[in-house]
Amino acid sequence: MRIGDGLMGILVTALGIAIFWYASGFPNTSGSYYGPAFVPQIIGIGLVICGVILTLRGLCAREAGSFGFSLDYPFDQPRAAPAIGLVLAAILAFVFLGEALGFQIITFATLLIAFIWTRGGLVFCASLALGLTVAFDLIFRVMLKVPVPSGPLIELIY
């Protein structure tokens, strides 16, 4: 299914309005100009602006399906269905095998398969997948302090 720019713009605009409205109910902090609602409201405003631009783009486009949606989009390309399956398999692997294998192994395997799927060279794909896995691990574990599962690599990390 392919959603046109006009319909997607309406959805993004509605999401931005909902985020802005929800964040307006956050409590104010005393002694500070920036409260907890500041960043979500800025994001909501940005989404509204982008949604309006997308809606106008969909209205101005001349080709069929630029505003609404069409159901045949991803499956008219032969490599699209397996790519969708790869994304679903990666999500299921994180859900069901996350504790056993760990974040790093699943991320590396998913990235490696995805990069090879795009017809890259094996050495380049493996090095890129390894570098991104290390970067994602540092971002989530060190910078954001997200407790990601380590699996069998727990001894190497700690």
N, C-alpha and C. Protein backbone atom coordinates (compact mmCIF):
# COMPACT_ATOMS: atom_id res chain seq x y z
N MET A 1 0.84 -1.17 0.00
CA MET A 1 0.00 0.00 0.00
C MET A 1 0.89 1.24 0.00
N ARG A 2 0.57 2.19 -0.83
CA ARG A 2 1.31 3.44 -0.90
C ARG A 2 0.36 4.56 -0.51
N ILE A 3 0.73 5.30 0.49
CA ILE A 3 -0.07 6.44 0.93
C ILE A 3 0.50 7.68 0.26
N GLY A 4 -0.36 8.44 -0.42
CA GLY A 4 0.07 9.63 -1.13
C GLY A 4 0.46 10.75 -0.18
N ASP A 5 1.13 11.75 -0.73
CA ASP A 5 1.62 12.86 0.08
C ASP A 5 0.49 13.64 0.74
N GLY A 6 -0.61 13.82 0.05
CA GLY A 6 -1.72 14.59 0.60
C GLY A 6 -2.32 13.94 1.83
N LEU A 7 -2.61 12.65 1.74
CA LEU A 7 -3.19 11.94 2.88
C LEU A 7 -2.19 11.83 4.03
N MET A 8 -0.93 11.57 3.69
CA MET A 8 0.10 11.50 4.73
C MET A 8 0.28 12.85 5.40
N GLY A 9 0.18 13.93 4.63
CA GLY A 9 0.27 15.27 5.20
C GLY A 9 -0.84 15.54 6.19
N ILE A 10 -2.04 15.10 5.88
CA ILE A 10 -3.16 15.27 6.81
C ILE A 10 -2.91 14.49 8.09
N LEU A 11 -2.41 13.27 7.96
CA LEU A 11 -2.12 12.44 9.14
C LEU A 11 -1.00 13.06 9.99
N VAL A 12 0.06 13.56 9.36
CA VAL A 12 1.16 14.17 10.09
C VAL A 12 0.71 15.46 10.77
N THR A 13 -0.13 16.23 10.10
CA THR A 13 -0.67 17.45 10.70
C THR A 13 -1.51 17.12 11.93
N ALA A 14 -2.36 16.11 11.81
CA ALA A 14 -3.18 15.69 12.95
C ALA A 14 -2.31 15.21 14.11
N LEU A 15 -1.25 14.47 13.80
CA LEU A 15 -0.34 14.01 14.85
C LEU A 15 0.34 15.19 15.53
N GLY A 16 0.78 16.17 14.76
CA GLY A 16 1.42 17.36 15.34
C GLY A 16 0.47 18.13 16.24
N ILE A 17 -0.78 18.28 15.82
CA ILE A 17 -1.77 18.96 16.65
C ILE A 17 -2.02 18.18 17.94
N ALA A 18 -2.12 16.86 17.82
CA ALA A 18 -2.36 16.03 19.01
C ALA A 18 -1.18 16.11 19.98
N ILE A 19 0.05 16.10 19.48
CA ILE A 19 1.22 16.20 20.35
C ILE A 19 1.25 17.56 21.04
N PHE A 20 0.99 18.62 20.29
CA PHE A 20 0.99 19.97 20.88
C PHE A 20 -0.09 20.08 21.96
N TRP A 21 -1.28 19.57 21.66
CA TRP A 21 -2.39 19.64 22.62
C TRP A 21 -2.08 18.82 23.88
N TYR A 22 -1.55 17.61 23.70
CA TYR A 22 -1.23 16.75 24.84
C TYR A 22 -0.14 17.38 25.70
N ALA A 23 0.88 17.95 25.07
CA ALA A 23 1.99 18.54 25.82
C ALA A 23 1.56 19.82 26.53
N SER A 24 0.53 20.48 26.07
CA SER A 24 0.07 21.70 26.74
C SER A 24 -0.48 21.40 28.13
N GLY A 25 -0.80 20.15 28.41
CA GLY A 25 -1.28 19.77 29.73
C GLY A 25 -0.18 19.42 30.72
N PHE A 26 1.07 19.47 30.28
CA PHE A 26 2.17 19.19 31.18
C PHE A 26 2.27 20.30 32.23
N PRO A 27 2.66 19.96 33.46
CA PRO A 27 2.76 20.99 34.50
C PRO A 27 3.94 21.93 34.25
N ASN A 28 3.78 23.18 34.66
CA ASN A 28 4.86 24.15 34.54
C ASN A 28 5.82 24.01 35.72
N THR A 29 7.08 24.31 35.47
CA THR A 29 8.06 24.29 36.55
C THR A 29 8.32 25.72 36.99
N SER A 30 8.44 25.91 38.27
CA SER A 30 8.67 27.26 38.78
C SER A 30 10.13 27.65 38.61
N GLY A 31 10.36 28.92 38.25
CA GLY A 31 11.71 29.44 38.13
C GLY A 31 12.39 29.10 36.82
N SER A 32 11.68 28.50 35.87
CA SER A 32 12.29 28.13 34.60
C SER A 32 11.36 28.52 33.47
N TYR A 33 11.94 29.11 32.45
CA TYR A 33 11.15 29.50 31.29
C TYR A 33 10.76 28.28 30.46
N TYR A 34 11.69 27.32 30.36
CA TYR A 34 11.46 26.11 29.58
C TYR A 34 10.91 25.03 30.50
N GLY A 35 9.68 24.66 30.31
CA GLY A 35 9.08 23.59 31.08
C GLY A 35 9.15 22.27 30.34
N PRO A 36 8.56 21.24 30.88
CA PRO A 36 8.59 19.93 30.23
C PRO A 36 7.79 19.87 28.93
N ALA A 37 6.94 20.86 28.68
CA ALA A 37 6.13 20.87 27.46
C ALA A 37 6.84 21.54 26.30
N PHE A 38 7.96 22.20 26.54
CA PHE A 38 8.61 23.01 25.51
C PHE A 38 9.02 22.18 24.30
N VAL A 39 9.81 21.13 24.50
CA VAL A 39 10.32 20.34 23.38
C VAL A 39 9.20 19.59 22.66
N PRO A 40 8.27 18.93 23.37
CA PRO A 40 7.18 18.28 22.63
C PRO A 40 6.33 19.26 21.82
N GLN A 41 6.14 20.47 22.33
CA GLN A 41 5.36 21.44 21.57
C GLN A 41 6.13 21.93 20.34
N ILE A 42 7.44 22.08 20.45
CA ILE A 42 8.25 22.43 19.28
C ILE A 42 8.16 21.32 18.23
N ILE A 43 8.22 20.08 18.67
CA ILE A 43 8.09 18.95 17.75
C ILE A 43 6.71 18.95 17.11
N GLY A 44 5.67 19.22 17.89
CA GLY A 44 4.32 19.30 17.34
C GLY A 44 4.18 20.39 16.29
N ILE A 45 4.78 21.54 16.55
CA ILE A 45 4.73 22.64 15.57
C ILE A 45 5.46 22.23 14.29
N GLY A 46 6.62 21.59 14.44
CA GLY A 46 7.36 21.11 13.27
C GLY A 46 6.58 20.10 12.46
N LEU A 47 5.88 19.19 13.15
CA LEU A 47 5.07 18.21 12.44
C LEU A 47 3.91 18.87 11.71
N VAL A 48 3.30 19.88 12.32
CA VAL A 48 2.21 20.59 11.64
C VAL A 48 2.73 21.28 10.39
N ILE A 49 3.87 21.93 10.47
CA ILE A 49 4.44 22.61 9.30
C ILE A 49 4.75 21.60 8.19
N CYS A 50 5.40 20.49 8.56
CA CYS A 50 5.72 19.47 7.55
C CYS A 50 4.45 18.83 6.97
N GLY A 51 3.45 18.62 7.81
CA GLY A 51 2.20 18.05 7.34
C GLY A 51 1.47 18.96 6.36
N VAL A 52 1.47 20.25 6.63
CA VAL A 52 0.84 21.20 5.71
C VAL A 52 1.59 21.22 4.38
N ILE A 53 2.91 21.19 4.44
CA ILE A 53 3.70 21.17 3.20
C ILE A 53 3.41 19.90 2.40
N LEU A 54 3.34 18.76 3.08
CA LEU A 54 3.02 17.51 2.38
C LEU A 54 1.63 17.54 1.77
N THR A 55 0.66 18.09 2.50
CA THR A 55 -0.70 18.17 1.99
C THR A 55 -0.76 19.05 0.75
N LEU A 56 -0.09 20.19 0.80
CA LEU A 56 -0.06 21.07 -0.37
C LEU A 56 0.65 20.41 -1.55
N ARG A 57 1.70 19.65 -1.27
CA ARG A 57 2.41 18.94 -2.33
C ARG A 57 1.50 17.89 -2.97
N GLY A 58 0.71 17.20 -2.15
CA GLY A 58 -0.22 16.22 -2.69
C GLY A 58 -1.33 16.85 -3.50
N LEU A 59 -1.77 18.04 -3.10
CA LEU A 59 -2.81 18.74 -3.85
C LEU A 59 -2.28 19.27 -5.18
N CYS A 60 -1.03 19.69 -5.21
CA CYS A 60 -0.45 20.26 -6.43
C CYS A 60 0.04 19.20 -7.41
N ALA A 61 0.24 17.98 -6.97
CA ALA A 61 0.76 16.93 -7.85
C ALA A 61 -0.30 16.52 -8.86
N ARG A 62 0.15 16.17 -10.03
CA ARG A 62 -0.77 15.83 -11.12
C ARG A 62 -0.95 14.32 -11.30
N GLU A 63 -0.02 13.52 -10.83
CA GLU A 63 -0.10 12.09 -11.09
C GLU A 63 -1.16 11.43 -10.21
N ALA A 64 -1.67 10.30 -10.67
CA ALA A 64 -2.71 9.58 -9.95
C ALA A 64 -2.14 8.97 -8.67
N GLY A 65 -2.92 8.99 -7.63
CA GLY A 65 -2.49 8.42 -6.35
C GLY A 65 -1.61 9.32 -5.53
N SER A 66 -1.47 10.58 -5.92
CA SER A 66 -0.59 11.47 -5.17
C SER A 66 -1.25 12.01 -3.91
N PHE A 67 -2.57 11.91 -3.83
CA PHE A 67 -3.24 12.39 -2.63
C PHE A 67 -3.75 11.24 -1.76
N GLY A 68 -4.34 10.24 -2.34
CA GLY A 68 -4.92 9.14 -1.60
C GLY A 68 -3.94 8.01 -1.36
N PHE A 69 -4.38 6.79 -1.63
CA PHE A 69 -3.49 5.65 -1.46
C PHE A 69 -3.79 4.62 -2.53
N SER A 70 -2.80 3.78 -2.80
CA SER A 70 -2.96 2.68 -3.74
C SER A 70 -2.49 1.41 -3.05
N LEU A 71 -3.11 0.31 -3.38
CA LEU A 71 -2.84 -0.94 -2.68
C LEU A 71 -1.74 -1.78 -3.31
N ASP A 72 -1.33 -1.48 -4.53
CA ASP A 72 -0.39 -2.35 -5.22
C ASP A 72 1.06 -1.90 -5.13
N TYR A 73 1.37 -0.87 -4.38
CA TYR A 73 2.70 -0.26 -4.43
C TYR A 73 3.86 -1.20 -4.09
N PRO A 74 3.96 -1.79 -2.88
CA PRO A 74 5.21 -2.49 -2.60
C PRO A 74 5.36 -3.80 -3.34
N PHE A 75 4.26 -4.40 -3.77
CA PHE A 75 4.36 -5.72 -4.34
C PHE A 75 4.50 -5.72 -5.86
N ASP A 76 4.59 -4.53 -6.46
CA ASP A 76 4.88 -4.49 -7.88
C ASP A 76 6.38 -4.54 -8.15
N GLN A 77 7.17 -4.52 -7.10
CA GLN A 77 8.62 -4.65 -7.22
C GLN A 77 9.01 -6.01 -6.64
N PRO A 78 9.82 -6.80 -7.34
CA PRO A 78 10.08 -8.17 -6.89
C PRO A 78 10.87 -8.28 -5.58
N ARG A 79 11.65 -7.26 -5.22
CA ARG A 79 12.46 -7.35 -4.00
C ARG A 79 11.76 -6.74 -2.79
N ALA A 80 10.57 -6.21 -2.96
CA ALA A 80 9.90 -5.50 -1.87
C ALA A 80 9.35 -6.45 -0.81
N ALA A 81 8.69 -7.51 -1.22
CA ALA A 81 8.08 -8.42 -0.25
C ALA A 81 9.12 -9.08 0.66
N PRO A 82 10.25 -9.59 0.14
CA PRO A 82 11.26 -10.12 1.06
C PRO A 82 11.86 -9.06 1.99
N ALA A 83 11.95 -7.82 1.52
CA ALA A 83 12.47 -6.75 2.38
C ALA A 83 11.52 -6.48 3.54
N ILE A 84 10.22 -6.50 3.26
CA ILE A 84 9.23 -6.34 4.32
C ILE A 84 9.33 -7.51 5.29
N GLY A 85 9.53 -8.70 4.75
CA GLY A 85 9.71 -9.88 5.61
C GLY A 85 10.94 -9.77 6.48
N LEU A 86 12.02 -9.17 5.97
CA LEU A 86 13.24 -8.98 6.76
C LEU A 86 12.98 -8.04 7.93
N VAL A 87 12.26 -6.98 7.69
CA VAL A 87 11.94 -6.04 8.77
C VAL A 87 11.10 -6.73 9.85
N LEU A 88 10.08 -7.48 9.43
CA LEU A 88 9.25 -8.20 10.40
C LEU A 88 10.05 -9.26 11.15
N ALA A 89 10.94 -9.96 10.45
CA ALA A 89 11.77 -10.98 11.11
C ALA A 89 12.71 -10.33 12.12
N ALA A 90 13.25 -9.15 11.81
CA ALA A 90 14.13 -8.45 12.75
C ALA A 90 13.36 -8.04 14.00
N ILE A 91 12.16 -7.55 13.82
CA ILE A 91 11.35 -7.16 14.98
C ILE A 91 11.04 -8.38 15.84
N LEU A 92 10.65 -9.48 15.22
CA LEU A 92 10.35 -10.70 15.97
C LEU A 92 11.61 -11.25 16.65
N ALA A 93 12.76 -11.14 16.01
CA ALA A 93 14.00 -11.60 16.62
C ALA A 93 14.33 -10.78 17.86
N PHE A 94 14.14 -9.46 17.80
CA PHE A 94 14.37 -8.63 18.98
C PHE A 94 13.41 -8.98 20.10
N VAL A 95 12.16 -9.26 19.76
CA VAL A 95 11.16 -9.56 20.79
C VAL A 95 11.42 -10.92 21.43
N PHE A 96 11.60 -11.94 20.60
CA PHE A 96 11.67 -13.30 21.14
C PHE A 96 13.08 -13.80 21.45
N LEU A 97 14.09 -13.28 20.78
CA LEU A 97 15.45 -13.75 20.99
C LEU A 97 16.35 -12.69 21.62
N GLY A 98 15.79 -11.56 22.01
CA GLY A 98 16.58 -10.46 22.54
C GLY A 98 17.37 -10.83 23.77
N GLU A 99 16.75 -11.50 24.71
CA GLU A 99 17.45 -11.88 25.95
C GLU A 99 18.47 -12.98 25.70
N ALA A 100 18.17 -13.91 24.82
CA ALA A 100 19.08 -15.03 24.58
C ALA A 100 20.30 -14.63 23.75
N LEU A 101 20.07 -13.88 22.67
CA LEU A 101 21.18 -13.52 21.79
C LEU A 101 21.77 -12.16 22.12
N GLY A 102 20.96 -11.25 22.56
CA GLY A 102 21.44 -9.92 22.91
C GLY A 102 21.26 -8.92 21.78
N PHE A 103 21.31 -7.67 22.17
CA PHE A 103 21.12 -6.55 21.25
C PHE A 103 22.18 -6.53 20.16
N GLN A 104 23.41 -6.74 20.54
CA GLN A 104 24.52 -6.59 19.60
C GLN A 104 24.48 -7.63 18.48
N ILE A 105 24.26 -8.89 18.84
CA ILE A 105 24.26 -9.96 17.84
C ILE A 105 23.10 -9.80 16.88
N ILE A 106 21.91 -9.49 17.41
CA ILE A 106 20.74 -9.34 16.54
C ILE A 106 20.89 -8.11 15.65
N THR A 107 21.41 -7.03 16.20
CA THR A 107 21.60 -5.82 15.40
C THR A 107 22.62 -6.07 14.29
N PHE A 108 23.74 -6.70 14.63
CA PHE A 108 24.75 -6.99 13.61
C PHE A 108 24.19 -7.89 12.52
N ALA A 109 23.49 -8.96 12.90
CA ALA A 109 22.94 -9.89 11.90
C ALA A 109 21.90 -9.20 11.02
N THR A 110 21.04 -8.40 11.62
CA THR A 110 20.01 -7.71 10.85
C THR A 110 20.63 -6.72 9.87
N LEU A 111 21.59 -5.93 10.34
CA LEU A 111 22.25 -4.97 9.45
C LEU A 111 23.03 -5.66 8.36
N LEU A 112 23.73 -6.74 8.70
CA LEU A 112 24.51 -7.46 7.69
C LEU A 112 23.60 -8.02 6.60
N ILE A 113 22.50 -8.64 6.99
CA ILE A 113 21.57 -9.18 6.00
C ILE A 113 20.97 -8.06 5.15
N ALA A 114 20.62 -6.95 5.79
CA ALA A 114 20.03 -5.84 5.04
C ALA A 114 21.03 -5.23 4.06
N PHE A 115 22.28 -5.09 4.48
CA PHE A 115 23.28 -4.51 3.59
C PHE A 115 23.63 -5.46 2.45
N ILE A 116 23.72 -6.74 2.72
CA ILE A 116 23.97 -7.71 1.66
C ILE A 116 22.77 -7.74 0.70
N TRP A 117 21.57 -7.57 1.24
CA TRP A 117 20.36 -7.56 0.43
C TRP A 117 20.40 -6.42 -0.59
N THR A 118 21.06 -5.32 -0.23
CA THR A 118 21.17 -4.20 -1.16
C THR A 118 22.31 -4.38 -2.14
N ARG A 119 22.86 -5.58 -2.18
CA ARG A 119 23.89 -5.97 -3.15
C ARG A 119 25.22 -5.28 -2.93
N GLY A 120 25.60 -5.15 -1.67
CA GLY A 120 26.90 -4.58 -1.35
C GLY A 120 27.94 -5.69 -1.25
N GLY A 121 29.20 -5.29 -1.23
CA GLY A 121 30.28 -6.26 -1.07
C GLY A 121 30.31 -6.79 0.36
N LEU A 122 30.73 -8.04 0.53
CA LEU A 122 30.67 -8.69 1.84
C LEU A 122 31.56 -7.99 2.86
N VAL A 123 32.78 -7.65 2.50
CA VAL A 123 33.69 -7.00 3.44
C VAL A 123 33.16 -5.63 3.84
N PHE A 124 32.70 -4.85 2.86
CA PHE A 124 32.14 -3.54 3.15
C PHE A 124 30.90 -3.65 4.02
N CYS A 125 30.01 -4.58 3.69
CA CYS A 125 28.77 -4.76 4.46
C CYS A 125 29.07 -5.20 5.89
N ALA A 126 30.01 -6.12 6.07
CA ALA A 126 30.35 -6.59 7.40
C ALA A 126 30.98 -5.48 8.24
N SER A 127 31.87 -4.71 7.64
CA SER A 127 32.50 -3.64 8.40
C SER A 127 31.51 -2.53 8.74
N LEU A 128 30.62 -2.21 7.82
CA LEU A 128 29.60 -1.20 8.09
C LEU A 128 28.63 -1.68 9.16
N ALA A 129 28.22 -2.94 9.08
CA ALA A 129 27.31 -3.49 10.10
C ALA A 129 27.98 -3.51 11.47
N LEU A 130 29.25 -3.87 11.53
CA LEU A 130 29.97 -3.89 12.80
C LEU A 130 30.11 -2.48 13.37
N GLY A 131 30.50 -1.53 12.53
CA GLY A 131 30.65 -0.16 13.00
C GLY A 131 29.34 0.43 13.50
N LEU A 132 28.25 0.20 12.77
CA LEU A 132 26.96 0.71 13.20
C LEU A 132 26.46 0.00 14.46
N THR A 133 26.75 -1.29 14.59
CA THR A 133 26.35 -2.00 15.81
C THR A 133 27.06 -1.43 17.02
N VAL A 134 28.35 -1.17 16.91
CA VAL A 134 29.09 -0.56 18.02
C VAL A 134 28.56 0.84 18.31
N ALA A 135 28.28 1.61 17.26
CA ALA A 135 27.76 2.97 17.45
C ALA A 135 26.39 2.94 18.13
N PHE A 136 25.50 2.05 17.68
CA PHE A 136 24.17 1.95 18.29
C PHE A 136 24.28 1.51 19.75
N ASP A 137 25.18 0.57 20.01
CA ASP A 137 25.36 0.11 21.39
C ASP A 137 25.86 1.25 22.28
N LEU A 138 26.81 2.02 21.79
CA LEU A 138 27.30 3.16 22.58
C LEU A 138 26.22 4.21 22.78
N ILE A 139 25.45 4.47 21.73
CA ILE A 139 24.38 5.46 21.86
C ILE A 139 23.35 5.02 22.88
N PHE A 140 22.87 3.78 22.75
CA PHE A 140 21.80 3.33 23.66
C PHE A 140 22.32 3.05 25.06
N ARG A 141 23.42 2.30 25.17
CA ARG A 141 23.88 1.87 26.49
C ARG A 141 24.59 2.98 27.26
N VAL A 142 25.46 3.75 26.60
CA VAL A 142 26.28 4.73 27.30
C VAL A 142 25.61 6.10 27.35
N MET A 143 25.23 6.61 26.19
CA MET A 143 24.70 7.97 26.15
C MET A 143 23.27 8.06 26.69
N LEU A 144 22.39 7.16 26.25
CA LEU A 144 20.99 7.23 26.66
C LEU A 144 20.67 6.40 27.89
N LYS A 145 21.64 5.59 28.33
CA LYS A 145 21.47 4.75 29.53
C LYS A 145 20.28 3.79 29.41
N VAL A 146 20.06 3.24 28.21
CA VAL A 146 19.00 2.27 27.99
C VAL A 146 19.55 0.89 28.28
N PRO A 147 18.91 0.14 29.16
CA PRO A 147 19.42 -1.20 29.48
C PRO A 147 19.06 -2.21 28.39
N VAL A 148 19.90 -2.29 27.36
CA VAL A 148 19.65 -3.25 26.28
C VAL A 148 20.18 -4.62 26.70
N PRO A 149 19.52 -5.70 26.26
CA PRO A 149 20.00 -7.04 26.62
C PRO A 149 21.32 -7.35 25.94
N SER A 150 22.23 -7.97 26.69
CA SER A 150 23.56 -8.28 26.16
C SER A 150 23.72 -9.71 25.70
N GLY A 151 22.89 -10.62 26.18
CA GLY A 151 22.99 -12.01 25.77
C GLY A 151 24.32 -12.62 26.16
N PRO A 152 24.94 -13.42 25.29
CA PRO A 152 26.20 -14.07 25.62
C PRO A 152 27.39 -13.10 25.65
N LEU A 153 27.23 -11.87 25.18
CA LEU A 153 28.32 -10.91 25.18
C LEU A 153 28.43 -10.14 26.48
N ILE A 154 27.71 -10.55 27.51
CA ILE A 154 27.70 -9.81 28.78
C ILE A 154 29.09 -9.75 29.41
N GLU A 155 29.88 -10.81 29.24
CA GLU A 155 31.23 -10.81 29.83
C GLU A 155 32.15 -9.85 29.09
N LEU A 156 31.94 -9.63 27.81
CA LEU A 156 32.79 -8.72 27.05
C LEU A 156 32.46 -7.25 27.32
N ILE A 157 31.21 -6.98 27.65
CA ILE A 157 30.77 -5.60 27.83
C ILE A 157 31.09 -5.10 29.23
N TYR A 158 30.92 -5.95 30.21
CA TYR A 158 31.15 -5.50 31.60
C TYR A 158 32.43 -6.03 32.15
